[in-house]
N, C-alpha and C. Protein backbone atom coordinates (compact mmCIF):
# COMPACT_ATOMS: atom_id res chain seq x y z
N MET A 1 0.74 -1.09 -0.15
CA MET A 1 -0.06 -0.09 0.13
C MET A 1 0.92 1.13 -0.34
N SER A 2 0.40 2.36 -0.79
CA SER A 2 0.68 3.55 -1.31
C SER A 2 0.80 4.52 0.50
N ASN A 3 1.55 5.40 0.03
CA ASN A 3 1.43 6.54 1.43
C ASN A 3 -0.28 7.13 0.45
N GLN A 4 0.08 7.69 -0.80
CA GLN A 4 -1.09 8.03 -1.19
C GLN A 4 -3.09 6.80 -0.77
N THR A 5 -2.61 5.93 -0.56
CA THR A 5 -3.54 4.96 -0.44
C THR A 5 -4.28 5.86 1.19
N LEU A 6 -3.59 5.91 1.47
CA LEU A 6 -3.51 5.44 3.40
C LEU A 6 -3.42 6.93 3.75
N ALA A 7 -3.62 7.48 3.23
CA ALA A 7 -3.71 9.24 3.55
C ALA A 7 -5.34 9.77 2.17
N ASP A 8 -5.95 9.55 1.61
CA ASP A 8 -6.94 9.18 0.72
C ASP A 8 -7.72 8.37 2.37
N GLY A 9 -7.53 6.86 2.55
CA GLY A 9 -8.81 6.20 3.82
C GLY A 9 -8.30 6.59 4.94
N VAL A 10 -7.51 7.87 5.90
CA VAL A 10 -7.42 8.74 6.57
C VAL A 10 -8.22 9.92 6.38
N ARG A 11 -8.49 10.52 5.32
CA ARG A 11 -9.31 11.06 5.09
C ARG A 11 -10.66 11.37 5.16
N GLU A 12 -11.24 9.86 4.33
CA GLU A 12 -12.52 9.95 4.03
C GLU A 12 -12.77 9.82 5.33
N LEU A 13 -11.71 9.03 6.48
CA LEU A 13 -12.31 8.57 8.04
C LEU A 13 -12.77 9.70 8.36
N LYS A 14 -11.59 11.12 7.89
CA LYS A 14 -11.91 12.04 8.78
C LYS A 14 -13.36 13.04 8.56
N GLU A 15 -13.63 12.05 7.54
CA GLU A 15 -14.91 12.96 6.74
C GLU A 15 -16.11 12.58 7.18
N THR A 16 -16.06 10.75 7.12
CA THR A 16 -16.41 9.89 8.32
C THR A 16 -17.04 10.39 9.57
N MET A 17 -16.48 10.99 10.36
CA MET A 17 -15.96 10.86 11.98
C MET A 17 -16.78 12.26 11.76
N LYS A 18 -17.06 13.65 10.26
CA LYS A 18 -17.65 15.04 11.05
C LYS A 18 -19.11 14.65 11.09
N GLU A 19 -19.08 13.21 9.62
CA GLU A 19 -20.60 13.36 9.64
C GLU A 19 -21.41 12.63 10.96
N ILE A 20 -20.82 11.72 11.61
CA ILE A 20 -20.98 11.09 12.59
C ILE A 20 -21.08 12.19 13.50
N LYS A 21 -19.93 12.99 13.67
CA LYS A 21 -20.73 14.27 15.24
C LYS A 21 -21.65 14.59 14.59
N SER A 22 -21.82 16.09 13.50
CA SER A 22 -23.40 15.91 13.47
C SER A 22 -23.79 15.19 13.32
N THR A 23 -24.27 14.60 13.63
CA THR A 23 -25.41 13.36 13.26
C THR A 23 -25.68 13.40 14.24
N LEU A 24 -24.55 13.08 15.33
CA LEU A 24 -24.53 12.93 16.96
C LEU A 24 -24.85 13.83 17.26
N ILE A 25 -25.41 15.03 17.23
CA ILE A 25 -25.06 16.43 17.43
C ILE A 25 -26.28 16.83 17.36
N ASP A 26 -27.20 16.16 16.05
CA ASP A 26 -28.32 16.36 15.63
C ASP A 26 -29.67 15.69 16.26
N HIS A 27 -28.66 14.15 16.78
CA HIS A 27 -29.81 13.34 17.11
C HIS A 27 -29.85 14.12 18.18
N GLY A 28 -28.37 14.20 19.32
CA GLY A 28 -28.61 15.32 20.71
C GLY A 28 -29.87 15.97 20.80
N HIS A 29 -30.06 16.87 20.39
CA HIS A 29 -31.24 17.89 19.86
C HIS A 29 -31.98 16.90 20.11
N LYS A 30 -32.17 16.35 19.15
CA LYS A 30 -33.71 16.16 18.86
C LYS A 30 -33.97 15.17 20.27
N PHE A 31 -33.40 14.51 20.88
CA PHE A 31 -33.72 13.93 22.28
C PHE A 31 -34.19 14.29 23.26
N ASP A 32 -32.82 16.05 23.41
CA ASP A 32 -33.43 17.20 24.25
C ASP A 32 -35.18 17.38 23.60
N ILE A 33 -35.75 17.61 22.62
CA ILE A 33 -37.15 18.72 22.61
C ILE A 33 -38.11 16.69 23.03
N LEU A 34 -37.61 15.71 22.21
CA LEU A 34 -38.35 14.38 23.02
C LEU A 34 -38.63 14.30 24.59
N THR A 35 -37.63 14.68 24.79
CA THR A 35 -36.98 14.31 26.40
C THR A 35 -38.10 16.00 26.83
N LYS A 36 -37.43 16.99 26.29
CA LYS A 36 -38.29 18.22 26.91
C LYS A 36 -40.70 17.50 26.70
N ASP A 37 -40.68 17.03 25.43
CA ASP A 37 -42.33 16.77 25.63
C ASP A 37 -42.75 15.58 26.14
N ALA A 38 -42.04 14.93 26.70
CA ALA A 38 -42.68 13.39 27.32
C ALA A 38 -42.17 13.87 28.72
N ILE A 39 -41.63 15.01 29.45
CA ILE A 39 -41.70 15.37 30.66
C ILE A 39 -42.57 17.28 30.55
N LYS A 40 -43.08 17.51 29.36
CA LYS A 40 -43.91 18.66 29.60
C LYS A 40 -45.46 18.32 30.12
N ASP A 41 -46.34 17.47 29.97
CA ASP A 41 -47.45 16.73 30.61
C ASP A 41 -47.32 16.36 32.09
N GLU A 42 -46.37 16.62 32.58
CA GLU A 42 -46.11 16.94 34.18
C GLU A 42 -45.54 17.83 34.69
N GLN A 43 -44.99 18.84 33.93
CA GLN A 43 -44.87 20.01 33.68
C GLN A 43 -46.14 20.95 33.38
N PRO A 44 -46.99 21.85 34.91
CA PRO A 44 -47.72 22.38 33.81
C PRO A 44 -47.77 24.08 32.78
N TYR A 45 -46.72 24.72 32.70
CA TYR A 45 -45.82 25.58 32.55
C TYR A 45 -44.95 25.73 32.39
N ASP A 46 -43.88 26.10 31.69
CA ASP A 46 -42.41 27.03 31.67
C ASP A 46 -41.95 27.22 32.31
N GLN A 47 -40.44 26.78 32.96
CA GLN A 47 -40.28 27.94 33.85
C GLN A 47 -39.81 28.58 33.92
N ARG A 48 -40.34 30.45 34.02
CA ARG A 48 -40.60 31.52 33.81
C ARG A 48 -39.73 32.30 35.28
N PRO A 49 -39.62 33.75 35.07
CA PRO A 49 -39.50 34.68 36.20
C PRO A 49 -40.49 34.88 36.66
N CYS A 50 -40.60 34.94 37.99
CA CYS A 50 -41.92 35.26 39.42
C CYS A 50 -42.84 35.74 38.24
N ASN A 51 -42.31 37.31 37.95
CA ASN A 51 -42.79 38.72 37.93
C ASN A 51 -43.04 38.59 36.20
N ASP A 52 -42.78 37.72 35.56
CA ASP A 52 -43.46 37.07 34.16
C ASP A 52 -44.95 37.57 33.76
N GLU A 53 -46.01 37.60 33.25
CA GLU A 53 -47.47 37.53 33.37
C GLU A 53 -47.77 36.78 33.19
N SER A 54 -47.66 35.57 31.98
CA SER A 54 -47.96 34.44 31.95
C SER A 54 -48.34 33.74 33.59
N THR A 55 -46.63 33.83 34.47
CA THR A 55 -46.55 33.34 35.44
C THR A 55 -47.46 32.84 36.70
N CYS A 56 -47.76 34.92 36.26
CA CYS A 56 -48.81 35.88 37.14
C CYS A 56 -49.96 34.92 36.94
N THR A 57 -50.60 34.94 36.24
CA THR A 57 -52.44 34.45 35.52
C THR A 57 -52.79 32.80 36.00
N ALA A 58 -51.60 32.51 36.00
CA ALA A 58 -51.46 30.95 36.11
C ALA A 58 -51.51 30.84 38.06
N LEU A 59 -51.13 31.92 38.59
CA LEU A 59 -50.87 31.76 39.15
C LEU A 59 -52.40 31.84 40.23
N TYR A 60 -52.69 32.71 39.96
CA TYR A 60 -53.63 33.04 40.36
C TYR A 60 -54.81 31.83 40.04
N GLU A 61 -54.85 31.68 38.95
CA GLU A 61 -56.22 30.79 38.09
C GLU A 61 -56.25 29.74 39.60
N ILE A 62 -54.80 29.37 39.58
CA ILE A 62 -54.37 27.64 40.94
C ILE A 62 -55.34 28.24 41.56
N ALA A 63 -54.86 29.44 42.78
CA ALA A 63 -55.05 30.28 44.37
C ALA A 63 -56.74 30.24 44.44
N MET A 64 -56.76 30.41 42.81
CA MET A 64 -58.32 30.92 43.21
C MET A 64 -59.43 29.79 42.38
N ALA A 65 -58.86 28.78 41.60
CA ALA A 65 -59.50 27.46 42.11
C ALA A 65 -59.88 26.73 43.90
N LYS A 66 -57.95 26.62 44.45
CA LYS A 66 -58.63 26.18 45.60
C LYS A 66 -59.53 27.43 46.67
N THR A 67 -59.42 28.02 45.85
CA THR A 67 -60.22 29.17 47.28
C THR A 67 -61.91 28.70 47.02
N LYS A 68 -62.10 28.10 45.83
CA LYS A 68 -63.39 28.08 45.27
C LYS A 68 -63.68 26.92 45.84
N GLU A 69 -62.98 26.31 45.86
CA GLU A 69 -63.47 24.79 46.65
C GLU A 69 -64.30 24.92 47.67
N GLU A 70 -62.49 25.84 48.69
CA GLU A 70 -63.09 26.10 49.41
C GLU A 70 -64.78 26.79 50.32
N VAL A 71 -64.41 27.65 49.69
CA VAL A 71 -65.74 28.64 50.11
C VAL A 71 -67.19 27.41 49.54
N GLU A 72 -67.51 26.80 48.83
CA GLU A 72 -68.50 25.38 48.91
C GLU A 72 -68.10 24.91 49.66
N GLN A 73 -66.92 24.11 49.97
CA GLN A 73 -66.97 23.66 51.21
C GLN A 73 -67.97 23.88 52.06
N TRP A 74 -67.48 25.60 52.91
CA TRP A 74 -68.14 25.67 53.69
C TRP A 74 -69.19 26.14 53.61
N ILE A 75 -69.78 26.87 52.35
CA ILE A 75 -71.37 27.10 52.22
C ILE A 75 -71.76 26.11 51.95
N LYS A 76 -71.84 24.33 52.41
CA LYS A 76 -72.53 23.10 52.25
C LYS A 76 -72.76 23.04 53.70
N ARG A 77 -71.14 23.01 54.90
CA ARG A 77 -70.89 22.93 55.78
C ARG A 77 -72.43 24.02 57.16
N MET A 78 -71.59 25.38 56.13
CA MET A 78 -73.11 26.59 56.55
C MET A 78 -73.88 25.74 57.27
N ASP A 79 -74.90 25.73 55.53
CA ASP A 79 -75.91 25.67 55.33
C ASP A 79 -77.08 24.37 56.66
N VAL A 80 -76.17 23.24 56.61
CA VAL A 80 -76.64 22.71 58.07
C VAL A 80 -76.25 22.47 58.83
N SER A 81 -75.14 23.69 59.25
CA SER A 81 -74.92 23.94 60.45
C SER A 81 -76.29 24.78 60.69
N LEU A 82 -76.81 25.88 60.31
CA LEU A 82 -77.21 26.58 60.21
C LEU A 82 -79.25 25.32 59.98
N VAL A 83 -79.72 24.82 59.67
CA VAL A 83 -80.60 24.49 59.78
C VAL A 83 -80.88 23.57 60.81
N PHE A 84 -79.37 22.71 60.74
CA PHE A 84 -79.26 22.37 62.70
C PHE A 84 -80.07 23.35 64.24
N ILE A 85 -79.58 24.25 64.00
CA ILE A 85 -79.56 25.07 64.97
C ILE A 85 -80.30 25.73 64.83
N ALA A 86 -81.60 25.71 63.52
CA ALA A 86 -83.25 26.82 63.15
C ALA A 86 -83.98 25.11 64.87
N LEU A 87 -82.89 24.61 64.10
CA LEU A 87 -84.81 23.31 64.68
C LEU A 87 -83.96 23.09 65.92
N PHE A 88 -82.91 22.93 66.80
CA PHE A 88 -82.23 22.71 67.40
C PHE A 88 -83.26 24.50 68.60
N SER A 89 -82.83 25.51 67.90
CA SER A 89 -84.21 26.68 68.58
C SER A 89 -85.13 26.78 68.88
N ALA A 90 -85.65 25.95 68.24
CA ALA A 90 -87.03 25.90 67.79
C ALA A 90 -87.86 25.12 68.87
N VAL A 91 -87.11 23.67 68.86
CA VAL A 91 -87.61 22.91 69.70
C VAL A 91 -87.63 23.55 71.18
N LEU A 92 -86.20 23.54 71.85
CA LEU A 92 -85.87 24.61 72.90
C LEU A 92 -86.61 25.11 73.33
N THR A 93 -87.58 26.69 72.45
CA THR A 93 -88.13 27.51 72.71
C THR A 93 -89.47 26.68 73.18
N ALA A 94 -89.46 26.41 72.83
CA ALA A 94 -91.21 24.99 73.25
C ALA A 94 -91.06 24.83 74.31
N PHE A 95 -89.57 24.40 74.97
CA PHE A 95 -89.23 24.10 76.53
C PHE A 95 -89.42 24.94 77.46
N ILE A 96 -88.32 25.93 76.34
CA ILE A 96 -88.16 27.58 77.60
C ILE A 96 -89.73 28.36 78.07
N VAL A 97 -90.63 28.07 77.44
CA VAL A 97 -92.45 29.11 77.21
C VAL A 97 -92.15 28.81 78.84
N PRO A 98 -93.17 27.26 78.81
CA PRO A 98 -93.23 26.37 80.08
C PRO A 98 -92.31 26.42 81.60
N ALA A 99 -90.98 26.35 81.12
CA ALA A 99 -90.02 26.41 82.21
C ALA A 99 -90.18 27.61 82.62
N THR A 100 -90.31 28.33 82.29
CA THR A 100 -90.77 30.78 81.85
C THR A 100 -91.36 30.79 83.50
N GLN A 101 -92.59 30.09 82.81
CA GLN A 101 -93.62 30.57 83.07
C GLN A 101 -93.99 29.49 84.83
N ASN A 102 -92.87 28.86 85.29
CA ASN A 102 -93.28 27.71 86.37
C ASN A 102 -92.20 28.58 87.28
N LEU A 103 -91.40 30.13 87.14
CA LEU A 103 -90.93 31.15 87.62
C LEU A 103 -92.18 31.62 88.17
N PHE A 104 -92.78 32.54 88.13
CA PHE A 104 -93.51 33.20 88.39
C PHE A 104 -94.84 32.75 89.11
N PRO A 105 -94.99 32.91 90.06
CA PRO A 105 -96.46 32.69 90.73
C PRO A 105 -97.40 32.86 89.61
N SER A 106 -98.32 31.57 89.87
CA SER A 106 -99.84 31.71 88.80
C SER A 106 -100.55 32.57 90.11
N SER A 107 -101.65 33.77 88.84
CA SER A 107 -102.77 34.52 89.42
C SER A 107 -104.04 33.70 90.59
N ASN A 108 -103.73 32.91 90.34
CA ASN A 108 -105.02 31.09 90.05
C ASN A 108 -104.80 31.39 92.09
N ASN A 109 -102.90 30.57 92.89
CA ASN A 109 -103.79 30.70 93.87
C ASN A 109 -103.34 31.63 94.91
N MET A 110 -103.52 32.66 94.05
CA MET A 110 -103.38 34.38 95.38
C MET A 110 -104.09 33.96 95.56
N PRO A 111 -103.50 34.53 97.46
CA PRO A 111 -104.66 34.65 98.55
C PRO A 111 -105.79 36.25 98.17
N GLY A 112 -106.38 36.50 98.45
CA GLY A 112 -107.53 37.65 98.40
C GLY A 112 -106.42 38.93 98.53
N ASN A 113 -105.34 39.19 99.33
CA ASN A 113 -105.08 40.47 99.26
C ASN A 113 -103.61 39.61 99.56
N PRO A 114 -103.59 40.06 98.44
CA PRO A 114 -101.37 40.41 97.35
C PRO A 114 -100.43 40.49 98.72
N GLY A 115 -100.99 41.61 99.61
CA GLY A 115 -100.39 42.42 100.71
C GLY A 115 -99.86 41.58 101.72
N ASP A 116 -100.75 40.80 101.59
CA ASP A 116 -100.11 40.48 103.16
C ASP A 116 -99.16 39.29 103.28
N THR A 117 -98.90 38.62 102.07
CA THR A 117 -97.54 37.79 101.95
C THR A 117 -96.67 37.98 101.50
N PRO A 118 -95.79 37.33 101.06
CA PRO A 118 -94.59 37.90 100.45
C PRO A 118 -94.75 37.08 98.85
N PRO A 119 -94.84 37.41 98.13
CA PRO A 119 -95.05 36.30 96.59
C PRO A 119 -93.43 35.18 96.90
N LEU A 120 -94.12 34.01 96.79
CA LEU A 120 -93.79 33.08 96.58
C LEU A 120 -92.18 32.63 96.35
N LEU A 121 -91.44 32.57 96.55
CA LEU A 121 -90.10 32.17 95.11
C LEU A 121 -90.22 30.29 94.37
N PRO A 122 -89.48 30.57 93.08
CA PRO A 122 -89.28 29.44 92.26
C PRO A 122 -88.05 28.85 93.59
N SER A 123 -89.32 27.26 92.89
CA SER A 123 -87.94 26.62 92.96
C SER A 123 -86.60 25.77 92.78
N ASP A 124 -85.67 25.36 93.78
CA ASP A 124 -84.17 25.62 93.00
C ASP A 124 -84.25 25.10 92.10
N SER A 125 -85.09 23.51 91.54
CA SER A 125 -85.10 23.25 90.20
C SER A 125 -85.76 23.52 89.60
N ALA A 126 -86.32 25.09 89.03
CA ALA A 126 -86.64 24.72 88.17
C ALA A 126 -86.92 26.42 87.79
N GLN A 127 -85.60 27.19 88.91
CA GLN A 127 -84.25 28.34 88.07
C GLN A 127 -83.40 27.23 87.51
N ASN A 128 -82.65 26.16 88.32
CA ASN A 128 -81.87 25.76 87.78
C ASN A 128 -81.72 25.59 85.93
N VAL A 129 -83.30 24.82 85.72
CA VAL A 129 -83.69 23.83 83.72
C VAL A 129 -83.18 24.58 83.54
N CYS A 130 -84.37 26.63 83.40
CA CYS A 130 -84.64 27.67 83.35
C CYS A 130 -83.35 28.13 82.40
N VAL A 131 -81.95 28.64 84.08
CA VAL A 131 -81.22 28.91 83.37
C VAL A 131 -79.88 27.68 81.96
N LEU A 132 -80.35 26.33 81.71
CA LEU A 132 -79.63 25.31 81.90
C LEU A 132 -79.94 26.02 80.44
N PHE A 133 -81.73 25.63 80.29
CA PHE A 133 -82.50 25.74 79.21
C PHE A 133 -81.90 27.78 78.19
N TYR A 134 -81.49 28.44 79.06
CA TYR A 134 -81.26 29.96 78.48
C TYR A 134 -79.98 29.55 77.96
N LEU A 135 -78.67 29.01 78.14
CA LEU A 135 -77.28 28.76 77.80
C LEU A 135 -77.53 27.61 77.37
N ALA A 136 -77.88 27.00 76.99
CA ALA A 136 -78.83 26.46 75.46
C ALA A 136 -78.50 27.26 74.35
N LEU A 137 -79.55 27.97 75.03
CA LEU A 137 -80.43 28.85 73.56
C LEU A 137 -79.13 29.69 73.43
N ILE A 138 -78.09 30.21 74.06
CA ILE A 138 -77.28 31.23 73.62
C ILE A 138 -76.15 30.14 73.13
N ILE A 139 -75.54 29.33 73.56
CA ILE A 139 -74.48 28.73 73.67
C ILE A 139 -74.72 27.43 72.48
N ALA A 140 -75.75 27.35 71.78
CA ALA A 140 -75.50 26.89 70.78
C ALA A 140 -75.62 27.22 69.30
N PRO A 141 -75.90 28.54 69.15
CA PRO A 141 -75.58 29.15 67.89
C PRO A 141 -74.09 29.39 67.34
N LEU A 142 -73.92 30.43 68.64
CA LEU A 142 -72.52 29.85 68.89
C LEU A 142 -71.55 29.15 68.49
N VAL A 143 -71.95 28.39 68.96
CA VAL A 143 -71.28 26.42 68.41
C VAL A 143 -71.17 26.65 67.35
N SER A 144 -72.08 26.97 66.95
CA SER A 144 -72.44 26.31 65.33
C SER A 144 -71.95 27.06 64.78
N LEU A 145 -71.67 28.51 64.99
CA LEU A 145 -71.36 29.72 63.55
C LEU A 145 -69.75 29.56 64.30
N ARG A 146 -69.34 28.89 65.09
CA ARG A 146 -67.35 28.68 65.22
C ARG A 146 -67.30 27.32 63.99
N LEU A 147 -68.42 26.69 64.44
CA LEU A 147 -67.93 25.12 63.65
C LEU A 147 -67.92 25.65 62.26
N SER A 148 -68.72 26.44 62.28
CA SER A 148 -68.66 27.03 60.33
C SER A 148 -67.59 27.11 60.04
N VAL A 149 -67.26 27.14 60.88
CA VAL A 149 -66.66 28.62 59.99
C VAL A 149 -64.45 27.66 59.75
N TYR A 150 -64.47 26.90 60.55
CA TYR A 150 -63.42 25.80 60.63
C TYR A 150 -64.15 25.06 59.84
């Protein structure tokens, strides 16, 4: 073999290596694009600075969607709480009216001359029952509202 043939073979090899190099670089760029497209569904937005308008819009939309879900849950809980407290208050009021009437002396039992005897005090148990009923009527709406907020 002559030196000329060897030099031609080396030149041809260099050309082939340059073509292989450009092909590998081209395939590397294509692979990067494929990789980016493959993970695109996992990443909703391209990474951009925080002061970018599209980033702010995306963050606003995400925040509003989550806030809307929470508000809907609060409204549902509030509706249930208000219906419960309305029914509870109605039933409790039905018990409070006679309990309160038991605290005052009946006019039928009074003697002819009201100045002679001092008015009778209601029993301790009647007072305690009345206090507990009124406390329940006051505390129940407060607890219901407190629970509906959280």
